[in-house]
Amino acid sequence: MITKSSKLAVLPVIALLGGAAVTASAQDETSALMLPSSEFAPMQRFDTNYEKPKDMAEFYVQMLGLSARDAEYEEGRNPRNNRHKVVIATVEGIDDPKVNAVQWRLELKAESGGWEAVEAGLRRKCQNGPNTNQWTREVCP
């Protein structure tokens, strides 16, 4: 579990968040809703359906052991496919020796009275390395 500051950080998915070289994104000032999915490392999509797009984002946040209350959420239409919604969930101030922040990008389509993920991606802000505090789709060193 990754926790916010002042709590012990335990990382169940070390391979997901820690490890290799960093590649910075020059898109920090751009709304993450406008970024293409290629700015985020692909991650597993789950065959699940939620009534509200934010509920789907909360599921992904909690999947890494983070509190959904600590996340900030943005929601909008995909500029490349108006039938899909994009939800961005961001958790900053993570008490972890490698990762400062994590951000998810979920592309959702309406399905069976709810929303289903058609794409899921993750990027991080690392505490160490040449591009400290820059968004990257790579794992943190």
N, C-alpha and C. Protein backbone atom coordinates (compact mmCIF):
# COMPACT_ATOMS: atom_id res chain seq x y z
N MET A 1 0.84 -1.18 0.00
CA MET A 1 0.00 0.00 0.00
C MET A 1 0.88 1.23 0.00
N ILE A 2 0.58 2.19 -0.82
CA ILE A 2 1.25 3.48 -0.81
C ILE A 2 0.36 4.40 0.00
N THR A 3 0.95 5.15 0.90
CA THR A 3 0.13 6.01 1.73
C THR A 3 0.57 7.45 1.59
N LYS A 4 -0.27 8.36 2.03
CA LYS A 4 0.07 9.78 2.02
C LYS A 4 1.09 10.04 3.13
N SER A 5 1.64 11.25 3.17
CA SER A 5 2.66 11.64 4.13
C SER A 5 2.26 11.29 5.55
N SER A 6 3.27 11.04 6.36
CA SER A 6 3.18 10.71 7.78
C SER A 6 2.72 9.29 8.05
N LYS A 7 2.58 8.48 7.03
CA LYS A 7 2.24 7.07 7.22
C LYS A 7 3.34 6.23 6.60
N LEU A 8 3.47 5.01 7.06
CA LEU A 8 4.46 4.10 6.52
C LEU A 8 4.09 3.73 5.10
N ALA A 9 5.05 3.82 4.18
CA ALA A 9 4.79 3.48 2.77
C ALA A 9 5.21 2.04 2.51
N VAL A 10 4.27 1.27 2.06
CA VAL A 10 4.53 -0.10 1.65
C VAL A 10 4.07 -0.20 0.21
N LEU A 11 4.89 -0.75 -0.67
CA LEU A 11 4.61 -0.73 -2.10
C LEU A 11 4.38 -2.13 -2.65
N PRO A 12 3.11 -2.54 -2.84
CA PRO A 12 2.83 -3.89 -3.32
C PRO A 12 3.12 -4.10 -4.79
N VAL A 13 3.26 -3.04 -5.52
CA VAL A 13 3.47 -3.16 -6.95
C VAL A 13 4.77 -2.46 -7.34
N ILE A 14 5.87 -2.85 -6.69
CA ILE A 14 7.15 -2.19 -6.89
C ILE A 14 7.57 -2.20 -8.36
N ALA A 15 7.25 -3.25 -9.07
CA ALA A 15 7.60 -3.31 -10.48
C ALA A 15 6.85 -2.26 -11.28
N LEU A 16 5.69 -1.88 -10.82
CA LEU A 16 4.89 -0.89 -11.54
C LEU A 16 5.42 0.52 -11.32
N LEU A 17 5.82 0.84 -10.09
CA LEU A 17 6.19 2.21 -9.77
C LEU A 17 7.69 2.47 -9.68
N GLY A 18 8.50 1.50 -9.39
CA GLY A 18 9.91 1.75 -9.20
C GLY A 18 10.76 1.07 -10.25
N GLY A 19 11.97 1.55 -10.46
CA GLY A 19 12.87 0.78 -11.29
C GLY A 19 13.69 1.48 -12.33
N ALA A 20 13.26 1.70 -13.53
CA ALA A 20 14.10 2.02 -14.69
C ALA A 20 14.31 3.52 -14.91
N ALA A 21 14.82 3.84 -16.09
CA ALA A 21 15.13 5.22 -16.46
C ALA A 21 13.88 6.07 -16.61
N VAL A 22 14.10 7.38 -16.56
CA VAL A 22 12.98 8.31 -16.60
C VAL A 22 12.96 9.03 -17.95
N THR A 23 11.78 9.19 -18.51
CA THR A 23 11.57 10.00 -19.70
C THR A 23 10.55 11.06 -19.34
N ALA A 24 10.93 12.30 -19.42
CA ALA A 24 10.03 13.38 -18.98
C ALA A 24 9.03 13.74 -20.05
N SER A 25 7.87 14.16 -19.59
CA SER A 25 6.85 14.69 -20.48
C SER A 25 6.95 16.21 -20.46
N ALA A 26 6.92 16.83 -21.61
CA ALA A 26 6.96 18.28 -21.69
C ALA A 26 5.57 18.87 -21.55
N GLN A 27 4.60 18.05 -21.19
CA GLN A 27 3.21 18.45 -21.21
C GLN A 27 2.68 18.86 -19.83
N ASP A 28 3.53 19.17 -18.86
CA ASP A 28 3.06 19.43 -17.51
C ASP A 28 2.01 20.54 -17.41
N GLU A 29 2.14 21.59 -18.22
CA GLU A 29 1.20 22.70 -18.13
C GLU A 29 -0.10 22.42 -18.88
N THR A 30 -0.12 21.44 -19.75
CA THR A 30 -1.30 21.10 -20.53
C THR A 30 -2.25 20.28 -19.67
N SER A 31 -3.54 20.52 -19.82
CA SER A 31 -4.51 19.69 -19.11
C SER A 31 -4.31 18.25 -19.53
N ALA A 32 -4.25 17.37 -18.55
CA ALA A 32 -4.04 15.95 -18.84
C ALA A 32 -5.18 15.38 -19.68
N LEU A 33 -6.35 16.00 -19.63
CA LEU A 33 -7.48 15.54 -20.45
C LEU A 33 -7.16 15.64 -21.94
N MET A 34 -6.32 16.58 -22.32
CA MET A 34 -6.00 16.80 -23.72
C MET A 34 -4.84 15.94 -24.21
N LEU A 35 -4.15 15.29 -23.31
CA LEU A 35 -2.99 14.48 -23.69
C LEU A 35 -3.42 13.18 -24.36
N PRO A 36 -2.64 12.72 -25.33
CA PRO A 36 -2.94 11.42 -25.94
C PRO A 36 -2.59 10.29 -24.98
N SER A 37 -3.18 9.15 -25.20
CA SER A 37 -2.91 8.00 -24.33
C SER A 37 -1.44 7.59 -24.36
N SER A 38 -0.70 7.96 -25.41
CA SER A 38 0.72 7.60 -25.51
C SER A 38 1.57 8.27 -24.44
N GLU A 39 1.05 9.30 -23.75
CA GLU A 39 1.77 9.94 -22.66
C GLU A 39 1.72 9.12 -21.37
N PHE A 40 0.94 8.05 -21.37
CA PHE A 40 0.74 7.21 -20.20
C PHE A 40 1.15 5.78 -20.53
N ALA A 41 1.78 5.11 -19.57
CA ALA A 41 2.14 3.69 -19.76
C ALA A 41 0.87 2.85 -19.72
N PRO A 42 0.67 2.00 -20.71
CA PRO A 42 -0.54 1.16 -20.70
C PRO A 42 -0.57 0.28 -19.45
N MET A 43 -1.75 0.07 -18.94
CA MET A 43 -1.91 -0.82 -17.80
C MET A 43 -3.14 -1.69 -18.02
N GLN A 44 -3.28 -2.67 -17.18
CA GLN A 44 -4.37 -3.64 -17.32
C GLN A 44 -5.73 -2.96 -17.23
N ARG A 45 -6.60 -3.33 -18.17
CA ARG A 45 -8.00 -2.90 -18.10
C ARG A 45 -8.79 -4.04 -17.48
N PHE A 46 -9.79 -3.70 -16.72
CA PHE A 46 -10.61 -4.70 -16.06
C PHE A 46 -11.99 -4.73 -16.70
N ASP A 47 -12.53 -5.91 -16.83
CA ASP A 47 -13.85 -6.09 -17.42
C ASP A 47 -14.89 -5.79 -16.35
N THR A 48 -15.05 -4.50 -16.08
CA THR A 48 -15.98 -4.06 -15.05
C THR A 48 -16.73 -2.84 -15.57
N ASN A 49 -17.85 -2.56 -14.98
CA ASN A 49 -18.73 -1.50 -15.45
C ASN A 49 -19.17 -0.69 -14.23
N TYR A 50 -19.06 0.63 -14.30
CA TYR A 50 -19.48 1.51 -13.21
C TYR A 50 -20.49 2.52 -13.72
N GLU A 51 -21.42 2.90 -12.85
CA GLU A 51 -22.48 3.83 -13.22
C GLU A 51 -21.92 5.21 -13.59
N LYS A 52 -20.90 5.67 -12.84
CA LYS A 52 -20.32 6.99 -13.07
C LYS A 52 -18.85 6.86 -13.44
N PRO A 53 -18.36 7.70 -14.37
CA PRO A 53 -16.94 7.64 -14.74
C PRO A 53 -15.99 7.80 -13.55
N LYS A 54 -16.33 8.69 -12.61
CA LYS A 54 -15.46 8.89 -11.44
C LYS A 54 -15.34 7.60 -10.62
N ASP A 55 -16.40 6.81 -10.56
CA ASP A 55 -16.35 5.54 -9.82
C ASP A 55 -15.31 4.60 -10.42
N MET A 56 -15.20 4.60 -11.74
CA MET A 56 -14.19 3.77 -12.40
C MET A 56 -12.79 4.25 -12.02
N ALA A 57 -12.58 5.57 -12.02
CA ALA A 57 -11.28 6.12 -11.65
C ALA A 57 -10.93 5.78 -10.20
N GLU A 58 -11.91 5.85 -9.31
CA GLU A 58 -11.67 5.50 -7.91
C GLU A 58 -11.24 4.04 -7.78
N PHE A 59 -11.80 3.17 -8.58
CA PHE A 59 -11.41 1.76 -8.57
C PHE A 59 -9.93 1.62 -8.88
N TYR A 60 -9.43 2.31 -9.91
CA TYR A 60 -8.02 2.22 -10.28
C TYR A 60 -7.12 2.82 -9.20
N VAL A 61 -7.52 3.92 -8.59
CA VAL A 61 -6.74 4.52 -7.51
C VAL A 61 -6.61 3.54 -6.34
N GLN A 62 -7.72 2.95 -5.95
CA GLN A 62 -7.72 2.01 -4.82
C GLN A 62 -6.97 0.73 -5.15
N MET A 63 -6.89 0.38 -6.42
CA MET A 63 -6.19 -0.83 -6.84
C MET A 63 -4.71 -0.77 -6.43
N LEU A 64 -4.12 0.43 -6.37
CA LEU A 64 -2.73 0.58 -5.94
C LEU A 64 -2.62 0.85 -4.44
N GLY A 65 -3.71 0.73 -3.73
CA GLY A 65 -3.67 0.91 -2.29
C GLY A 65 -3.74 2.36 -1.84
N LEU A 66 -4.09 3.26 -2.75
CA LEU A 66 -4.23 4.67 -2.40
C LEU A 66 -5.67 4.98 -2.04
N SER A 67 -5.85 6.03 -1.30
CA SER A 67 -7.20 6.43 -0.91
C SER A 67 -7.84 7.26 -2.02
N ALA A 68 -9.05 6.90 -2.39
CA ALA A 68 -9.78 7.65 -3.42
C ALA A 68 -10.02 9.09 -2.96
N ARG A 69 -10.08 9.32 -1.65
CA ARG A 69 -10.29 10.67 -1.11
C ARG A 69 -9.09 11.58 -1.38
N ASP A 70 -7.90 10.99 -1.53
CA ASP A 70 -6.69 11.78 -1.76
C ASP A 70 -6.51 12.17 -3.22
N ALA A 71 -7.31 11.64 -4.10
CA ALA A 71 -7.17 11.90 -5.53
C ALA A 71 -7.98 13.11 -5.97
N GLU A 72 -7.46 13.78 -6.99
CA GLU A 72 -8.21 14.83 -7.67
C GLU A 72 -8.64 14.25 -9.01
N TYR A 73 -9.85 14.57 -9.43
CA TYR A 73 -10.43 13.98 -10.64
C TYR A 73 -10.80 15.08 -11.64
N GLU A 74 -10.55 14.78 -12.91
CA GLU A 74 -10.94 15.62 -14.03
C GLU A 74 -11.69 14.74 -15.00
N GLU A 75 -12.73 15.26 -15.60
CA GLU A 75 -13.52 14.46 -16.53
C GLU A 75 -13.91 15.30 -17.74
N GLY A 76 -13.85 14.70 -18.92
CA GLY A 76 -14.25 15.41 -20.13
C GLY A 76 -14.39 14.45 -21.30
N ARG A 77 -14.77 14.98 -22.43
CA ARG A 77 -14.90 14.18 -23.65
C ARG A 77 -13.53 14.01 -24.30
N ASN A 78 -13.33 12.87 -24.93
CA ASN A 78 -12.10 12.64 -25.68
C ASN A 78 -12.14 13.52 -26.93
N PRO A 79 -11.15 14.41 -27.13
CA PRO A 79 -11.18 15.29 -28.30
C PRO A 79 -11.04 14.52 -29.62
N ARG A 80 -10.53 13.30 -29.56
CA ARG A 80 -10.36 12.49 -30.77
C ARG A 80 -11.53 11.55 -31.03
N ASN A 81 -12.38 11.34 -30.02
CA ASN A 81 -13.55 10.46 -30.16
C ASN A 81 -14.62 10.98 -29.21
N ASN A 82 -15.53 11.77 -29.71
CA ASN A 82 -16.52 12.45 -28.88
C ASN A 82 -17.48 11.50 -28.17
N ARG A 83 -17.53 10.24 -28.57
CA ARG A 83 -18.41 9.28 -27.89
C ARG A 83 -17.78 8.71 -26.63
N HIS A 84 -16.49 8.96 -26.43
CA HIS A 84 -15.78 8.45 -25.26
C HIS A 84 -15.51 9.57 -24.27
N LYS A 85 -15.51 9.22 -22.99
CA LYS A 85 -15.11 10.15 -21.93
C LYS A 85 -13.68 9.81 -21.52
N VAL A 86 -12.98 10.82 -21.04
CA VAL A 86 -11.66 10.64 -20.46
C VAL A 86 -11.75 11.11 -19.01
N VAL A 87 -11.21 10.30 -18.11
CA VAL A 87 -11.15 10.66 -16.69
C VAL A 87 -9.68 10.62 -16.28
N ILE A 88 -9.23 11.67 -15.63
CA ILE A 88 -7.88 11.75 -15.09
C ILE A 88 -7.99 11.74 -13.57
N ALA A 89 -7.25 10.86 -12.93
CA ALA A 89 -7.18 10.81 -11.47
C ALA A 89 -5.72 11.05 -11.09
N THR A 90 -5.49 12.00 -10.19
CA THR A 90 -4.13 12.36 -9.78
C THR A 90 -4.02 12.30 -8.26
N VAL A 91 -2.98 11.62 -7.78
CA VAL A 91 -2.67 11.59 -6.35
C VAL A 91 -1.25 12.14 -6.20
N GLU A 92 -1.12 13.25 -5.46
CA GLU A 92 0.19 13.86 -5.23
C GLU A 92 0.55 13.75 -3.75
N GLY A 93 1.83 14.00 -3.44
CA GLY A 93 2.27 13.95 -2.05
C GLY A 93 2.35 12.55 -1.50
N ILE A 94 2.70 11.61 -2.35
CA ILE A 94 2.80 10.21 -1.92
C ILE A 94 4.06 10.04 -1.08
N ASP A 95 3.93 9.37 0.05
CA ASP A 95 5.07 9.10 0.93
C ASP A 95 5.73 7.81 0.47
N ASP A 96 6.57 7.94 -0.55
CA ASP A 96 7.26 6.79 -1.14
C ASP A 96 8.66 7.27 -1.53
N PRO A 97 9.70 6.45 -1.34
CA PRO A 97 11.05 6.89 -1.63
C PRO A 97 11.34 7.14 -3.11
N LYS A 98 10.49 6.66 -4.01
CA LYS A 98 10.75 6.81 -5.44
C LYS A 98 9.73 7.69 -6.16
N VAL A 99 8.50 7.71 -5.69
CA VAL A 99 7.40 8.32 -6.45
C VAL A 99 6.76 9.46 -5.66
N ASN A 100 6.65 10.65 -6.29
CA ASN A 100 5.97 11.80 -5.67
C ASN A 100 4.49 11.83 -5.98
N ALA A 101 4.12 11.41 -7.20
CA ALA A 101 2.73 11.50 -7.64
C ALA A 101 2.45 10.42 -8.68
N VAL A 102 1.18 10.06 -8.77
CA VAL A 102 0.73 9.08 -9.76
C VAL A 102 -0.51 9.67 -10.43
N GLN A 103 -0.60 9.45 -11.74
CA GLN A 103 -1.75 9.94 -12.49
C GLN A 103 -2.24 8.86 -13.44
N TRP A 104 -3.55 8.64 -13.44
CA TRP A 104 -4.18 7.66 -14.32
C TRP A 104 -4.95 8.40 -15.40
N ARG A 105 -4.96 7.84 -16.59
CA ARG A 105 -5.83 8.31 -17.68
C ARG A 105 -6.70 7.13 -18.09
N LEU A 106 -7.99 7.30 -17.97
CA LEU A 106 -8.94 6.25 -18.35
C LEU A 106 -9.81 6.78 -19.47
N GLU A 107 -9.89 6.02 -20.54
CA GLU A 107 -10.82 6.34 -21.62
C GLU A 107 -11.98 5.37 -21.49
N LEU A 108 -13.18 5.92 -21.41
CA LEU A 108 -14.37 5.13 -21.11
C LEU A 108 -15.41 5.25 -22.21
N LYS A 109 -16.16 4.17 -22.40
CA LYS A 109 -17.30 4.22 -23.32
C LYS A 109 -18.54 3.78 -22.56
N ALA A 110 -19.68 4.33 -22.98
CA ALA A 110 -20.95 3.95 -22.38
C ALA A 110 -21.27 2.51 -22.78
N GLU A 111 -21.60 1.70 -21.79
CA GLU A 111 -21.86 0.28 -22.04
C GLU A 111 -22.83 -0.24 -21.00
N SER A 112 -23.93 -0.81 -21.42
CA SER A 112 -24.90 -1.47 -20.53
C SER A 112 -25.33 -0.60 -19.35
N GLY A 113 -25.65 0.65 -19.60
CA GLY A 113 -26.13 1.53 -18.55
C GLY A 113 -25.04 2.08 -17.65
N GLY A 114 -23.80 1.86 -17.99
CA GLY A 114 -22.69 2.36 -17.19
C GLY A 114 -21.52 2.73 -18.08
N TRP A 115 -20.33 2.72 -17.50
CA TRP A 115 -19.11 3.07 -18.22
C TRP A 115 -18.10 1.95 -18.09
N GLU A 116 -17.42 1.67 -19.19
CA GLU A 116 -16.42 0.60 -19.26
C GLU A 116 -15.12 1.19 -19.82
N ALA A 117 -13.98 0.77 -19.26
CA ALA A 117 -12.68 1.27 -19.72
C ALA A 117 -12.30 0.62 -21.05
N VAL A 118 -11.95 1.46 -22.03
CA VAL A 118 -11.42 0.95 -23.29
C VAL A 118 -9.91 1.16 -23.36
N GLU A 119 -9.39 2.07 -22.54
CA GLU A 119 -7.96 2.28 -22.39
C GLU A 119 -7.68 2.68 -20.95
N ALA A 120 -6.54 2.24 -20.44
CA ALA A 120 -6.11 2.62 -19.10
C ALA A 120 -4.60 2.86 -19.14
N GLY A 121 -4.17 3.96 -18.56
CA GLY A 121 -2.75 4.27 -18.55
C GLY A 121 -2.35 4.96 -17.26
N LEU A 122 -1.05 4.97 -17.00
CA LEU A 122 -0.49 5.49 -15.75
C LEU A 122 0.79 6.25 -16.05
N ARG A 123 1.01 7.33 -15.33
CA ARG A 123 2.30 8.01 -15.37
C ARG A 123 2.62 8.48 -13.97
N ARG A 124 3.90 8.82 -13.73
CA ARG A 124 4.36 9.14 -12.39
C ARG A 124 5.24 10.38 -12.40
N LYS A 125 5.41 10.98 -11.22
CA LYS A 125 6.44 11.98 -10.98
C LYS A 125 7.42 11.33 -10.02
N CYS A 126 8.66 11.24 -10.45
CA CYS A 126 9.69 10.55 -9.65
C CYS A 126 10.39 11.52 -8.69
N GLN A 127 10.90 10.97 -7.58
CA GLN A 127 11.65 11.77 -6.62
C GLN A 127 13.13 11.84 -6.97
N ASN A 128 13.61 10.91 -7.78
CA ASN A 128 15.03 10.84 -8.11
C ASN A 128 15.20 10.77 -9.63
N GLY A 129 16.42 10.97 -10.07
CA GLY A 129 16.71 10.84 -11.49
C GLY A 129 16.86 12.19 -12.16
N PRO A 130 17.21 12.17 -13.44
CA PRO A 130 17.50 13.41 -14.17
C PRO A 130 16.27 14.29 -14.39
N ASN A 131 15.09 13.74 -14.34
CA ASN A 131 13.87 14.51 -14.60
C ASN A 131 12.94 14.51 -13.39
N THR A 132 13.51 14.75 -12.23
CA THR A 132 12.74 14.74 -10.99
C THR A 132 11.54 15.67 -11.10
N ASN A 133 10.41 15.19 -10.62
CA ASN A 133 9.15 15.93 -10.59
C ASN A 133 8.58 16.27 -11.97
N GLN A 134 8.99 15.55 -12.99
CA GLN A 134 8.39 15.67 -14.32
C GLN A 134 7.54 14.43 -14.55
N TRP A 135 6.39 14.57 -15.20
CA TRP A 135 5.57 13.40 -15.50
C TRP A 135 6.30 12.49 -16.48
N THR A 136 6.27 11.20 -16.19
CA THR A 136 6.89 10.20 -17.05
C THR A 136 6.04 8.94 -17.09
N ARG A 137 6.08 8.28 -18.21
CA ARG A 137 5.38 7.00 -18.32
C ARG A 137 6.30 5.85 -17.91
N GLU A 138 7.57 6.16 -17.66
CA GLU A 138 8.55 5.15 -17.26
C GLU A 138 8.49 4.91 -15.75
N VAL A 139 9.02 3.77 -15.31
CA VAL A 139 9.10 3.51 -13.88
C VAL A 139 10.19 4.37 -13.27
N CYS A 140 10.07 4.70 -12.00
CA CYS A 140 11.00 5.61 -11.33
C CYS A 140 12.26 4.87 -10.87
N PRO A 141 13.42 5.56 -10.97
CA PRO A 141 14.68 4.94 -10.52
C PRO A 141 14.79 4.92 -8.99
